[in-house]
Amino acid sequence: MKILSIPRRLLGRFRFWLRILKQGRGTTLKMQLGLIVSSIIDSFAYLIYPPLALSPKVYVSGIVYFKNYSVYFFVRRFTDDLYNVMPGREGDANELVLKCLSEGDVFIDVGANVVTTQF
């Protein structure tokens, strides 16, 4: 591991958490503080041993509100639930779906966790 990659890796993880903290809010003080503490713990876990923390993890359970989309999500502690429900996380897919929908339309992603293998 190169020395220069360590600060970049940590900075990249902090940027991701800043995006989460800007777009989402814990609905209680405990949850909001838990998100902040999770961002610190997760970033350093990723810095120390990246395979342990590939996806950002939350270390508290609770409800997060994303104001841009007016949606609430319940996230479980010690999981990457927040990362998986993060609006716009899959930018190209998000853009395609939103372009095809009209106001009032509903999109249900039934392909979650589907794995394809080619030999």
PDB file of N, CA and C in Angstrom:
ATOM      1  N   MET A   1       0.846  -1.178   0.000  1.00  0.00           N
ATOM      2  CA  MET A   1       0.000   0.000   0.000  1.00  0.00           C
ATOM      3  C   MET A   1       0.892   1.241   0.000  1.00  0.00           C
ATOM      4  N   LYS A   2       0.633   2.152  -0.908  1.00  0.00           N
ATOM      5  CA  LYS A   2       1.412   3.376  -0.980  1.00  0.00           C
ATOM      6  C   LYS A   2       0.958   4.349   0.096  1.00  0.00           C
ATOM      7  N   ILE A   3       1.896   5.131   0.580  1.00  0.00           N
ATOM      8  CA  ILE A   3       1.584   6.123   1.613  1.00  0.00           C
ATOM      9  C   ILE A   3       0.582   7.147   1.089  1.00  0.00           C
ATOM     10  N   LEU A   4       0.698   7.550  -0.169  1.00  0.00           N
ATOM     11  CA  LEU A   4      -0.214   8.551  -0.724  1.00  0.00           C
ATOM     12  C   LEU A   4      -1.642   8.042  -0.836  1.00  0.00           C
ATOM     13  N   SER A   5      -1.814   6.729  -0.953  1.00  0.00           N
ATOM     14  CA  SER A   5      -3.169   6.197  -1.101  1.00  0.00           C
ATOM     15  C   SER A   5      -3.967   6.284   0.195  1.00  0.00           C
ATOM     16  N   ILE A   6      -3.290   6.326   1.329  1.00  0.00           N
ATOM     17  CA  ILE A   6      -3.993   6.381   2.616  1.00  0.00           C
ATOM     18  C   ILE A   6      -4.792   7.675   2.764  1.00  0.00           C
ATOM     19  N   PRO A   7      -4.181   8.853   2.585  1.00  0.00           N
ATOM     20  CA  PRO A   7      -4.989  10.079   2.706  1.00  0.00           C
ATOM     21  C   PRO A   7      -6.106  10.159   1.667  1.00  0.00           C
ATOM     22  N   ARG A   8      -5.842   9.703   0.448  1.00  0.00           N
ATOM     23  CA  ARG A   8      -6.881   9.732  -0.593  1.00  0.00           C
ATOM     24  C   ARG A   8      -8.048   8.838  -0.222  1.00  0.00           C
ATOM     25  N   ARG A   9      -7.724   7.668   0.280  1.00  0.00           N
ATOM     26  CA  ARG A   9      -8.771   6.720   0.659  1.00  0.00           C
ATOM     27  C   ARG A   9      -9.629   7.306   1.781  1.00  0.00           C
ATOM     28  N   LEU A  10      -8.975   7.868   2.793  1.00  0.00           N
ATOM     29  CA  LEU A  10      -9.705   8.458   3.915  1.00  0.00           C
ATOM     30  C   LEU A  10     -10.528   9.656   3.451  1.00  0.00           C
ATOM     31  N   LEU A  11      -9.958  10.482   2.601  1.00  0.00           N
ATOM     32  CA  LEU A  11     -10.675  11.645   2.083  1.00  0.00           C
ATOM     33  C   LEU A  11     -11.894  11.220   1.275  1.00  0.00           C
ATOM     34  N   GLY A  12     -11.736  10.189   0.455  1.00  0.00           N
ATOM     35  CA  GLY A  12     -12.868   9.696  -0.330  1.00  0.00           C
ATOM     36  C   GLY A  12     -13.999   9.202   0.547  1.00  0.00           C
ATOM     37  N   ARG A  13     -13.661   8.511   1.616  1.00  0.00           N
ATOM     38  CA  ARG A  13     -14.693   7.995   2.525  1.00  0.00           C
ATOM     39  C   ARG A  13     -15.365   9.147   3.261  1.00  0.00           C
ATOM     40  N   PHE A  14     -14.576  10.132   3.722  1.00  0.00           N
ATOM     41  CA  PHE A  14     -15.168  11.296   4.389  1.00  0.00           C
ATOM     42  C   PHE A  14     -16.098  12.053   3.446  1.00  0.00           C
ATOM     43  N   ARG A  15     -15.714  12.175   2.185  1.00  0.00           N
ATOM     44  CA  ARG A  15     -16.584  12.851   1.206  1.00  0.00           C
ATOM     45  C   ARG A  15     -17.917  12.133   1.064  1.00  0.00           C
ATOM     46  N   PHE A  16     -17.852  10.817   1.004  1.00  0.00           N
ATOM     47  CA  PHE A  16     -19.086  10.042   0.897  1.00  0.00           C
ATOM     48  C   PHE A  16     -19.969  10.289   2.117  1.00  0.00           C
ATOM     49  N   TRP A  17     -19.382  10.239   3.313  1.00  0.00           N
ATOM     50  CA  TRP A  17     -20.161  10.464   4.537  1.00  0.00           C
ATOM     51  C   TRP A  17     -20.700  11.891   4.600  1.00  0.00           C
ATOM     52  N   LEU A  18     -19.931  12.853   4.108  1.00  0.00           N
ATOM     53  CA  LEU A  18     -20.444  14.230   4.075  1.00  0.00           C
ATOM     54  C   LEU A  18     -21.682  14.315   3.195  1.00  0.00           C
ATOM     55  N   ARG A  19     -21.673  13.606   2.076  1.00  0.00           N
ATOM     56  CA  ARG A  19     -22.849  13.581   1.201  1.00  0.00           C
ATOM     57  C   ARG A  19     -24.040  12.960   1.921  1.00  0.00           C
ATOM     58  N   ILE A  20     -23.799  11.870   2.635  1.00  0.00           N
ATOM     59  CA  ILE A  20     -24.871  11.242   3.403  1.00  0.00           C
ATOM     60  C   ILE A  20     -25.405  12.214   4.450  1.00  0.00           C
ATOM     61  N   LEU A  21     -24.509  12.860   5.179  1.00  0.00           N
ATOM     62  CA  LEU A  21     -24.929  13.757   6.260  1.00  0.00           C
ATOM     63  C   LEU A  21     -25.597  15.028   5.737  1.00  0.00           C
ATOM     64  N   LYS A  22     -25.265  15.450   4.520  1.00  0.00           N
ATOM     65  CA  LYS A  22     -25.935  16.615   3.926  1.00  0.00           C
ATOM     66  C   LYS A  22     -27.335  16.266   3.441  1.00  0.00           C
ATOM     67  N   GLN A  23     -27.470  15.098   2.819  1.00  0.00           N
ATOM     68  CA  GLN A  23     -28.755  14.714   2.232  1.00  0.00           C
ATOM     69  C   GLN A  23     -29.694  14.079   3.238  1.00  0.00           C
ATOM     70  N   GLY A  24     -29.147  13.365   4.210  1.00  0.00           N
ATOM     71  CA  GLY A  24     -29.978  12.642   5.171  1.00  0.00           C
ATOM     72  C   GLY A  24     -29.843  13.190   6.574  1.00  0.00           C
ATOM     73  N   ARG A  25     -30.887  13.012   7.350  1.00  0.00           N
ATOM     74  CA  ARG A  25     -30.896  13.447   8.747  1.00  0.00           C
ATOM     75  C   ARG A  25     -31.517  12.358   9.597  1.00  0.00           C
ATOM     76  N   GLY A  26     -30.902  12.091  10.736  1.00  0.00           N
ATOM     77  CA  GLY A  26     -31.534  11.206  11.701  1.00  0.00           C
ATOM     78  C   GLY A  26     -32.774  11.892  12.240  1.00  0.00           C
ATOM     79  N   THR A  27     -33.834  11.134  12.471  1.00  0.00           N
ATOM     80  CA  THR A  27     -35.088  11.742  12.932  1.00  0.00           C
ATOM     81  C   THR A  27     -35.082  12.006  14.431  1.00  0.00           C
ATOM     82  N   THR A  28     -34.074  11.507  15.131  1.00  0.00           N
ATOM     83  CA  THR A  28     -33.912  11.804  16.558  1.00  0.00           C
ATOM     84  C   THR A  28     -32.484  12.293  16.770  1.00  0.00           C
ATOM     85  N   LEU A  29     -32.263  12.932  17.896  1.00  0.00           N
ATOM     86  CA  LEU A  29     -30.916  13.397  18.219  1.00  0.00           C
ATOM     87  C   LEU A  29     -29.958  12.206  18.314  1.00  0.00           C
ATOM     88  N   LYS A  30     -30.430  11.116  18.932  1.00  0.00           N
ATOM     89  CA  LYS A  30     -29.598   9.914  19.052  1.00  0.00           C
ATOM     90  C   LYS A  30     -29.179   9.408  17.676  1.00  0.00           C
ATOM     91  N   MET A  31     -30.116   9.379  16.742  1.00  0.00           N
ATOM     92  CA  MET A  31     -29.799   8.875  15.401  1.00  0.00           C
ATOM     93  C   MET A  31     -28.853   9.819  14.672  1.00  0.00           C
ATOM     94  N   GLN A  32     -29.081  11.117  14.795  1.00  0.00           N
ATOM     95  CA  GLN A  32     -28.210  12.077  14.119  1.00  0.00           C
ATOM     96  C   GLN A  32     -26.784  11.989  14.659  1.00  0.00           C
ATOM     97  N   LEU A  33     -26.652  11.931  15.975  1.00  0.00           N
ATOM     98  CA  LEU A  33     -25.320  11.780  16.563  1.00  0.00           C
ATOM     99  C   LEU A  33     -24.713  10.431  16.171  1.00  0.00           C
ATOM    100  N   GLY A  34     -25.556   9.400  16.103  1.00  0.00           N
ATOM    101  CA  GLY A  34     -25.089   8.082  15.683  1.00  0.00           C
ATOM    102  C   GLY A  34     -24.555   8.082  14.263  1.00  0.00           C
ATOM    103  N   LEU A  35     -25.182   8.851  13.389  1.00  0.00           N
ATOM    104  CA  LEU A  35     -24.695   8.960  12.009  1.00  0.00           C
ATOM    105  C   LEU A  35     -23.319   9.625  11.973  1.00  0.00           C
ATOM    106  N   ILE A  36     -23.165  10.665  12.776  1.00  0.00           N
ATOM    107  CA  ILE A  36     -21.881  11.378  12.819  1.00  0.00           C
ATOM    108  C   ILE A  36     -20.785  10.462  13.366  1.00  0.00           C
ATOM    109  N   VAL A  37     -21.087   9.783  14.474  1.00  0.00           N
ATOM    110  CA  VAL A  37     -20.109   8.857  15.060  1.00  0.00           C
ATOM    111  C   VAL A  37     -19.822   7.709  14.089  1.00  0.00           C
ATOM    112  N   SER A  38     -20.856   7.208  13.423  1.00  0.00           N
ATOM    113  CA  SER A  38     -20.668   6.137  12.438  1.00  0.00           C
ATOM    114  C   SER A  38     -19.734   6.578  11.319  1.00  0.00           C
ATOM    115  N   SER A  39     -19.869   7.829  10.894  1.00  0.00           N
ATOM    116  CA  SER A  39     -19.014   8.318   9.812  1.00  0.00           C
ATOM    117  C   SER A  39     -17.543   8.299  10.222  1.00  0.00           C
ATOM    118  N   ILE A  40     -17.279   8.620  11.472  1.00  0.00           N
ATOM    119  CA  ILE A  40     -15.895   8.629  11.963  1.00  0.00           C
ATOM    120  C   ILE A  40     -15.372   7.198  12.117  1.00  0.00           C
ATOM    121  N   ILE A  41     -16.148   6.350  12.793  1.00  0.00           N
ATOM    122  CA  ILE A  41     -15.728   4.956  13.003  1.00  0.00           C
ATOM    123  C   ILE A  41     -15.522   4.254  11.663  1.00  0.00           C
ATOM    124  N   ASP A  42     -16.497   4.403  10.771  1.00  0.00           N
ATOM    125  CA  ASP A  42     -16.433   3.718   9.484  1.00  0.00           C
ATOM    126  C   ASP A  42     -15.247   4.192   8.647  1.00  0.00           C
ATOM    127  N   SER A  43     -14.999   5.486   8.644  1.00  0.00           N
ATOM    128  CA  SER A  43     -13.891   6.018   7.847  1.00  0.00           C
ATOM    129  C   SER A  43     -12.553   5.470   8.331  1.00  0.00           C
ATOM    130  N   PHE A  44     -12.377   5.411   9.637  1.00  0.00           N
ATOM    131  CA  PHE A  44     -11.117   4.883  10.154  1.00  0.00           C
ATOM    132  C   PHE A  44     -11.024   3.366  10.001  1.00  0.00           C
ATOM    133  N   ALA A  45     -12.146   2.661  10.093  1.00  0.00           N
ATOM    134  CA  ALA A  45     -12.136   1.212   9.843  1.00  0.00           C
ATOM    135  C   ALA A  45     -11.723   0.949   8.397  1.00  0.00           C
ATOM    136  N   TYR A  46     -12.229   1.766   7.491  1.00  0.00           N
ATOM    137  CA  TYR A  46     -11.880   1.633   6.076  1.00  0.00           C
ATOM    138  C   TYR A  46     -10.403   1.951   5.844  1.00  0.00           C
ATOM    139  N   LEU A  47      -9.902   2.924   6.575  1.00  0.00           N
ATOM    140  CA  LEU A  47      -8.494   3.298   6.444  1.00  0.00           C
ATOM    141  C   LEU A  47      -7.584   2.176   6.938  1.00  0.00           C
ATOM    142  N   ILE A  48      -7.929   1.586   8.077  1.00  0.00           N
ATOM    143  CA  ILE A  48      -7.086   0.563   8.691  1.00  0.00           C
ATOM    144  C   ILE A  48      -7.140  -0.758   7.926  1.00  0.00           C
ATOM    145  N   TYR A  49      -8.348  -1.187   7.568  1.00  0.00           N
ATOM    146  CA  TYR A  49      -8.484  -2.482   6.887  1.00  0.00           C
ATOM    147  C   TYR A  49      -9.647  -2.416   5.900  1.00  0.00           C
ATOM    148  N   PRO A  50      -9.398  -1.944   4.680  1.00  0.00           N
ATOM    149  CA  PRO A  50     -10.465  -1.740   3.693  1.00  0.00           C
ATOM    150  C   PRO A  50     -11.386  -2.933   3.444  1.00  0.00           C
ATOM    151  N   PRO A  51     -10.878  -4.183   3.379  1.00  0.00           N
ATOM    152  CA  PRO A  51     -11.809  -5.293   3.129  1.00  0.00           C
ATOM    153  C   PRO A  51     -12.877  -5.455   4.210  1.00  0.00           C
ATOM    154  N   LEU A  52     -12.589  -4.974   5.401  1.00  0.00           N
ATOM    155  CA  LEU A  52     -13.551  -5.067   6.494  1.00  0.00           C
ATOM    156  C   LEU A  52     -14.714  -4.099   6.301  1.00  0.00           C
ATOM    157  N   ALA A  53     -14.478  -3.011   5.598  1.00  0.00           N
ATOM    158  CA  ALA A  53     -15.488  -1.953   5.483  1.00  0.00           C
ATOM    159  C   ALA A  53     -15.641  -1.486   4.042  1.00  0.00           C
ATOM    160  N   LEU A  54     -15.939  -2.411   3.133  1.00  0.00           N
ATOM    161  CA  LEU A  54     -16.085  -2.014   1.732  1.00  0.00           C
ATOM    162  C   LEU A  54     -17.223  -1.024   1.541  1.00  0.00           C
ATOM    163  N   SER A  55     -18.389  -1.330   2.088  1.00  0.00           N
ATOM    164  CA  SER A  55     -19.527  -0.411   2.028  1.00  0.00           C
ATOM    165  C   SER A  55     -19.621   0.316   3.363  1.00  0.00           C
ATOM    166  N   PRO A  56     -19.930   1.605   3.341  1.00  0.00           N
ATOM    167  CA  PRO A  56     -20.061   2.352   4.596  1.00  0.00           C
ATOM    168  C   PRO A  56     -21.114   1.724   5.508  1.00  0.00           C
ATOM    169  N   LYS A  57     -20.772   1.599   6.769  1.00  0.00           N
ATOM    170  CA  LYS A  57     -21.680   0.979   7.735  1.00  0.00           C
ATOM    171  C   LYS A  57     -22.157   1.984   8.769  1.00  0.00           C
ATOM    172  N   VAL A  58     -23.371   1.732   9.258  1.00  0.00           N
ATOM    173  CA  VAL A  58     -23.972   2.555  10.312  1.00  0.00           C
ATOM    174  C   VAL A  58     -23.905   1.754  11.603  1.00  0.00           C
ATOM    175  N   TYR A  59     -23.549   2.401  12.688  1.00  0.00           N
ATOM    176  CA  TYR A  59     -23.386   1.708  13.966  1.00  0.00           C
ATOM    177  C   TYR A  59     -24.494   2.030  14.952  1.00  0.00           C
ATOM    178  N   VAL A  60     -25.625   2.470  14.438  1.00  0.00           N
ATOM    179  CA  VAL A  60     -26.799   2.763  15.261  1.00  0.00           C
ATOM    180  C   VAL A  60     -28.042   2.476  14.421  1.00  0.00           C
ATOM    181  N   SER A  61     -29.101   2.010  15.065  1.00  0.00           N
ATOM    182  CA  SER A  61     -30.368   1.765  14.356  1.00  0.00           C
ATOM    183  C   SER A  61     -31.268   2.977  14.493  1.00  0.00           C
ATOM    184  N   GLY A  62     -32.040   3.247  13.463  1.00  0.00           N
ATOM    185  CA  GLY A  62     -32.984   4.350  13.533  1.00  0.00           C
ATOM    186  C   GLY A  62     -33.477   4.758  12.160  1.00  0.00           C
ATOM    187  N   ILE A  63     -34.203   5.853  12.154  1.00  0.00           N
ATOM    188  CA  ILE A  63     -34.820   6.336  10.921  1.00  0.00           C
ATOM    189  C   ILE A  63     -34.046   7.539  10.391  1.00  0.00           C
ATOM    190  N   VAL A  64     -33.790   7.499   9.091  1.00  0.00           N
ATOM    191  CA  VAL A  64     -33.105   8.593   8.405  1.00  0.00           C
ATOM    192  C   VAL A  64     -34.067   9.179   7.384  1.00  0.00           C
ATOM    193  N   TYR A  65     -34.118  10.498   7.335  1.00  0.00           N
ATOM    194  CA  TYR A  65     -34.983  11.217   6.399  1.00  0.00           C
ATOM    195  C   TYR A  65     -34.112  11.871   5.331  1.00  0.00           C
ATOM    196  N   PHE A  66     -34.425  11.609   4.058  1.00  0.00           N
ATOM    197  CA  PHE A  66     -33.740  12.265   2.946  1.00  0.00           C
ATOM    198  C   PHE A  66     -34.647  13.370   2.427  1.00  0.00           C
ATOM    199  N   LYS A  67     -34.285  14.620   2.727  1.00  0.00           N
ATOM    200  CA  LYS A  67     -35.154  15.760   2.419  1.00  0.00           C
ATOM    201  C   LYS A  67     -35.348  15.993   0.922  1.00  0.00           C
ATOM    202  N   ASN A  68     -34.324  15.735   0.110  1.00  0.00           N
ATOM    203  CA  ASN A  68     -34.456  15.966  -1.335  1.00  0.00           C
ATOM    204  C   ASN A  68     -35.525  15.093  -1.972  1.00  0.00           C
ATOM    205  N   TYR A  69     -35.769  13.922  -1.375  1.00  0.00           N
ATOM    206  CA  TYR A  69     -36.727  12.975  -1.935  1.00  0.00           C
ATOM    207  C   TYR A  69     -37.955  12.793  -1.048  1.00  0.00           C
ATOM    208  N   SER A  70     -37.961  13.437   0.107  1.00  0.00           N
ATOM    209  CA  SER A  70     -39.063  13.314   1.075  1.00  0.00           C
ATOM    210  C   SER A  70     -39.364  11.856   1.412  1.00  0.00           C
ATOM    211  N   VAL A  71     -38.316  11.097   1.727  1.00  0.00           N
ATOM    212  CA  VAL A  71     -38.485   9.684   2.082  1.00  0.00           C
ATOM    213  C   VAL A  71     -37.790   9.385   3.407  1.00  0.00           C
ATOM    214  N   TYR A  72     -38.341   8.402   4.109  1.00  0.00           N
ATOM    215  CA  TYR A  72     -37.772   7.927   5.367  1.00  0.00           C
ATOM    216  C   TYR A  72     -37.314   6.487   5.178  1.00  0.00           C
ATOM    217  N   PHE A  73     -36.188   6.149   5.785  1.00  0.00           N
ATOM    218  CA  PHE A  73     -35.692   4.778   5.767  1.00  0.00           C
ATOM    219  C   PHE A  73     -35.296   4.374   7.176  1.00  0.00           C
ATOM    220  N   PHE A  74     -35.643   3.151   7.544  1.00  0.00           N
ATOM    221  CA  PHE A  74     -35.153   2.590   8.792  1.00  0.00           C
ATOM    222  C   PHE A  74     -33.876   1.831   8.475  1.00  0.00           C
ATOM    223  N   VAL A  75     -32.797   2.172   9.160  1.00  0.00           N
ATOM    224  CA  VAL A  75     -31.530   1.473   8.950  1.00  0.00           C
ATOM    225  C   VAL A  75     -31.151   0.719  10.220  1.00  0.00           C
ATOM    226  N   ARG A  76     -30.606  -0.468  10.025  1.00  0.00           N
ATOM    227  CA  ARG A  76     -30.198  -1.322  11.144  1.00  0.00           C
ATOM    228  C   ARG A  76     -28.734  -1.075  11.479  1.00  0.00           C
ATOM    229  N   ARG A  77     -28.406  -1.169  12.760  1.00  0.00           N
ATOM    230  CA  ARG A  77     -27.010  -0.965  13.155  1.00  0.00           C
ATOM    231  C   ARG A  77     -26.140  -2.113  12.641  1.00  0.00           C
ATOM    232  N   PHE A  78     -24.882  -1.793  12.459  1.00  0.00           N
ATOM    233  CA  PHE A  78     -23.868  -2.733  11.976  1.00  0.00           C
ATOM    234  C   PHE A  78     -24.156  -3.242  10.562  1.00  0.00           C
ATOM    235  N   THR A  79     -24.891  -2.467   9.772  1.00  0.00           N
ATOM    236  CA  THR A  79     -25.194  -2.863   8.395  1.00  0.00           C
ATOM    237  C   THR A  79     -24.821  -1.742   7.430  1.00  0.00           C
ATOM    238  N   ASP A  80     -24.890  -2.059   6.149  1.00  0.00           N
ATOM    239  CA  ASP A  80     -24.689  -1.044   5.116  1.00  0.00           C
ATOM    240  C   ASP A  80     -26.030  -0.603   4.525  1.00  0.00           C
ATOM    241  N   ASP A  81     -27.102  -0.727   5.321  1.00  0.00           N
ATOM    242  CA  ASP A  81     -28.444  -0.336   4.859  1.00  0.00           C
ATOM    243  C   ASP A  81     -28.463   1.085   4.306  1.00  0.00           C
ATOM    244  N   LEU A  82     -27.846   2.004   5.014  1.00  0.00           N
ATOM    245  CA  LEU A  82     -27.880   3.408   4.595  1.00  0.00           C
ATOM    246  C   LEU A  82     -27.212   3.586   3.232  1.00  0.00           C
ATOM    247  N   TYR A  83     -26.126   2.906   3.026  1.00  0.00           N
ATOM    248  CA  TYR A  83     -25.437   2.959   1.737  1.00  0.00           C
ATOM    249  C   TYR A  83     -26.333   2.426   0.621  1.00  0.00           C
ATOM    250  N   ASN A  84     -27.057   1.354   0.910  1.00  0.00           N
ATOM    251  CA  ASN A  84     -27.902   0.729  -0.111  1.00  0.00           C
ATOM    252  C   ASN A  84     -29.136   1.541  -0.465  1.00  0.00           C
ATOM    253  N   VAL A  85     -29.646   2.337   0.454  1.00  0.00           N
ATOM    254  CA  VAL A  85     -30.843   3.133   0.161  1.00  0.00           C
ATOM    255  C   VAL A  85     -30.511   4.574  -0.202  1.00  0.00           C
ATOM    256  N   MET A  86     -29.247   4.911  -0.224  1.00  0.00           N
ATOM    257  CA  MET A  86     -28.826   6.277  -0.521  1.00  0.00           C
ATOM    258  C   MET A  86     -29.348   6.703  -1.894  1.00  0.00           C
ATOM    259  N   PRO A  87     -30.236   7.703  -1.932  1.00  0.00           N
ATOM    260  CA  PRO A  87     -30.758   8.161  -3.227  1.00  0.00           C
ATOM    261  C   PRO A  87     -29.630   8.608  -4.162  1.00  0.00           C
ATOM    262  N   GLY A  88     -29.708   8.159  -5.391  1.00  0.00           N
ATOM    263  CA  GLY A  88     -28.724   8.564  -6.386  1.00  0.00           C
ATOM    264  C   GLY A  88     -27.406   7.817  -6.314  1.00  0.00           C
ATOM    265  N   ARG A  89     -27.311   6.807  -5.467  1.00  0.00           N
ATOM    266  CA  ARG A  89     -26.050   6.069  -5.314  1.00  0.00           C
ATOM    267  C   ARG A  89     -25.599   5.457  -6.631  1.00  0.00           C
ATOM    268  N   GLU A  90     -26.525   4.922  -7.372  1.00  0.00           N
ATOM    269  CA  GLU A  90     -26.204   4.370  -8.689  1.00  0.00           C
ATOM    270  C   GLU A  90     -26.616   5.407  -9.727  1.00  0.00           C
ATOM    271  N   GLY A  91     -25.760   6.407  -9.886  1.00  0.00           N
ATOM    272  CA  GLY A  91     -26.072   7.580 -10.688  1.00  0.00           C
ATOM    273  C   GLY A  91     -26.654   7.317 -12.056  1.00  0.00           C
ATOM    274  N   ASP A  92     -26.026   6.449 -12.847  1.00  0.00           N
ATOM    275  CA  ASP A  92     -26.514   6.215 -14.206  1.00  0.00           C
ATOM    276  C   ASP A  92     -27.877   5.531 -14.205  1.00  0.00           C
ATOM    277  N   ALA A  93     -28.080   4.559 -13.326  1.00  0.00           N
ATOM    278  CA  ALA A  93     -29.382   3.881 -13.248  1.00  0.00           C
ATOM    279  C   ALA A  93     -30.445   4.838 -12.724  1.00  0.00           C
ATOM    280  N   ASN A  94     -30.085   5.632 -11.732  1.00  0.00           N
ATOM    281  CA  ASN A  94     -31.006   6.611 -11.156  1.00  0.00           C
ATOM    282  C   ASN A  94     -31.462   7.610 -12.223  1.00  0.00           C
ATOM    283  N   GLU A  95     -30.515   8.095 -12.998  1.00  0.00           N
ATOM    284  CA  GLU A  95     -30.819   9.066 -14.052  1.00  0.00           C
ATOM    285  C   GLU A  95     -31.747   8.468 -15.110  1.00  0.00           C
ATOM    286  N   LEU A  96     -31.475   7.243 -15.525  1.00  0.00           N
ATOM    287  CA  LEU A  96     -32.294   6.569 -16.529  1.00  0.00           C
ATOM    288  C   LEU A  96     -33.726   6.378 -16.037  1.00  0.00           C
ATOM    289  N   VAL A  97     -33.877   5.894 -14.811  1.00  0.00           N
ATOM    290  CA  VAL A  97     -35.214   5.646 -14.264  1.00  0.00           C
ATOM    291  C   VAL A  97     -35.983   6.958 -14.134  1.00  0.00           C
ATOM    292  N   LEU A  98     -35.347   7.982 -13.584  1.00  0.00           N
ATOM    293  CA  LEU A  98     -36.037   9.264 -13.396  1.00  0.00           C
ATOM    294  C   LEU A  98     -36.431   9.895 -14.725  1.00  0.00           C
ATOM    295  N   LYS A  99     -35.627   9.690 -15.751  1.00  0.00           N
ATOM    296  CA  LYS A  99     -35.930  10.244 -17.072  1.00  0.00           C
ATOM    297  C   LYS A  99     -37.177   9.588 -17.671  1.00  0.00           C
ATOM    298  N   CYS A 100     -37.403   8.326 -17.339  1.00  0.00           N
ATOM    299  CA  CYS A 100     -38.532   7.577 -17.898  1.00  0.00           C
ATOM    300  C   CYS A 100     -39.833   7.770 -17.122  1.00  0.00           C
ATOM    301  N   LEU A 101     -39.754   8.293 -15.918  1.00  0.00           N
ATOM    302  CA  LEU A 101     -40.948   8.439 -15.081  1.00  0.00           C
ATOM    303  C   LEU A 101     -41.578   9.811 -15.230  1.00  0.00           C
ATOM    304  N   SER A 102     -42.889   9.840 -15.134  1.00  0.00           N
ATOM    305  CA  SER A 102     -43.626  11.104 -15.085  1.00  0.00           C
ATOM    306  C   SER A 102     -44.056  11.332 -13.642  1.00  0.00           C
ATOM    307  N   GLU A 103     -44.514  12.534 -13.347  1.00  0.00           N
ATOM    308  CA  GLU A 103     -44.955  12.841 -11.987  1.00  0.00           C
ATOM    309  C   GLU A 103     -46.074  11.884 -11.581  1.00  0.00           C
ATOM    310  N   GLY A 104     -45.939  11.303 -10.408  1.00  0.00           N
ATOM    311  CA  GLY A 104     -46.935  10.366  -9.898  1.00  0.00           C
ATOM    312  C   GLY A 104     -46.651   8.912 -10.236  1.00  0.00           C
ATOM    313  N   ASP A 105     -45.711   8.664 -11.167  1.00  0.00           N
ATOM    314  CA  ASP A 105     -45.342   7.290 -11.506  1.00  0.00           C
ATOM    315  C   ASP A 105     -44.570   6.659 -10.351  1.00  0.00           C
ATOM    316  N   VAL A 106     -44.600   5.341 -10.306  1.00  0.00           N
ATOM    317  CA  VAL A 106     -43.903   4.588  -9.264  1.00  0.00           C
ATOM    318  C   VAL A 106     -42.956   3.600  -9.928  1.00  0.00           C
ATOM    319  N   PHE A 107     -41.763   3.494  -9.384  1.00  0.00           N
ATOM    320  CA  PHE A 107     -40.785   2.517  -9.863  1.00  0.00           C
ATOM    321  C   PHE A 107     -40.420   1.601  -8.708  1.00  0.00           C
ATOM    322  N   ILE A 108     -40.490   0.303  -8.941  1.00  0.00           N
ATOM    323  CA  ILE A 108     -40.114  -0.673  -7.920  1.00  0.00           C
ATOM    324  C   ILE A 108     -38.926  -1.465  -8.448  1.00  0.00           C
ATOM    325  N   ASP A 109     -37.845  -1.430  -7.715  1.00  0.00           N
ATOM    326  CA  ASP A 109     -36.634  -2.147  -8.102  1.00  0.00           C
ATOM    327  C   ASP A 109     -36.733  -3.577  -7.589  1.00  0.00           C
ATOM    328  N   VAL A 110     -37.101  -4.486  -8.474  1.00  0.00           N
ATOM    329  CA  VAL A 110     -37.237  -5.891  -8.072  1.00  0.00           C
ATOM    330  C   VAL A 110     -35.956  -6.670  -8.345  1.00  0.00           C
ATOM    331  N   GLY A 111     -34.948  -6.008  -8.849  1.00  0.00           N
ATOM    332  CA  GLY A 111     -33.700  -6.692  -9.166  1.00  0.00           C
ATOM    333  C   GLY A 111     -32.652  -6.574  -8.083  1.00  0.00           C
ATOM    334  N   ALA A 112     -33.024  -6.086  -6.929  1.00  0.00           N
ATOM    335  CA  ALA A 112     -32.055  -5.931  -5.853  1.00  0.00           C
ATOM    336  C   ALA A 112     -31.479  -7.281  -5.451  1.00  0.00           C
ATOM    337  N   ASN A 113     -30.192  -7.303  -5.277  1.00  0.00           N
ATOM    338  CA  ASN A 113     -29.462  -8.491  -4.828  1.00  0.00           C
ATOM    339  C   ASN A 113     -29.503  -9.652  -5.815  1.00  0.00           C
ATOM    340  N   VAL A 114     -29.779  -9.373  -7.068  1.00  0.00           N
ATOM    341  CA  VAL A 114     -29.730 -10.420  -8.081  1.00  0.00           C
ATOM    342  C   VAL A 114     -28.299 -10.480  -8.605  1.00  0.00           C
ATOM    343  N   VAL A 115     -27.751 -11.660  -8.622  1.00  0.00           N
ATOM    344  CA  VAL A 115     -26.375 -11.832  -9.079  1.00  0.00           C
ATOM    345  C   VAL A 115     -26.385 -12.650 -10.361  1.00  0.00           C
ATOM    346  N   THR A 116     -25.644 -12.181 -11.336  1.00  0.00           N
ATOM    347  CA  THR A 116     -25.518 -12.956 -12.570  1.00  0.00           C
ATOM    348  C   THR A 116     -24.075 -13.412 -12.698  1.00  0.00           C
ATOM    349  N   THR A 117     -23.911 -14.567 -13.232  1.00  0.00           N
ATOM    350  CA  THR A 117     -22.569 -15.114 -13.420  1.00  0.00           C
ATOM    351  C   THR A 117     -22.429 -15.568 -14.860  1.00  0.00           C
ATOM    352  N   GLN A 118     -21.317 -15.229 -15.455  1.00  0.00           N
ATOM    353  CA  GLN A 118     -21.032 -15.685 -16.813  1.00  0.00           C
ATOM    354  C   GLN A 118     -19.798 -16.567 -16.769  1.00  0.00           C
ATOM    355  N   PHE A 119     -19.859 -17.652 -17.522  1.00  0.00           N
ATOM    356  CA  PHE A 119     -18.711 -18.556 -17.587  1.00  0.00           C
ATOM    357  C   PHE A 119     -18.107 -18.509 -18.958  1.00  0.00           C
TER     358      PHE A 119
END
